[in-house]
């Protein structure tokens, strides 16, 4: 594993070409579409934020108060796991953005 090097890949959806030394976000083929790649990533982050907000509100309603933080650790609740999963996906999408 000494010779394995993690390289950044093109952010354009579906491309995944490893970036050359001078390229930062998209490959040379998609350089003219860099704004579109950013818009796609921003749309993913926005949809994840919206989904998380919906799940958070559902948990607040279950708890009985829309003005307090959710204090829930019910391991049998499917909303709890969905909220945790979407929070993780949101963090990953925000890092890519």
Foldseek 3Di string as FASTA:
>chain_A
DVPDDDFDAALAPPGRHGADPPDDHHHPVCPVVPVVSVVVLVVVLVVLVVVLVVLQCVQCVVVPHPPDGRDDDPPVDPSVVVNVVSVVVNVVSVVSD
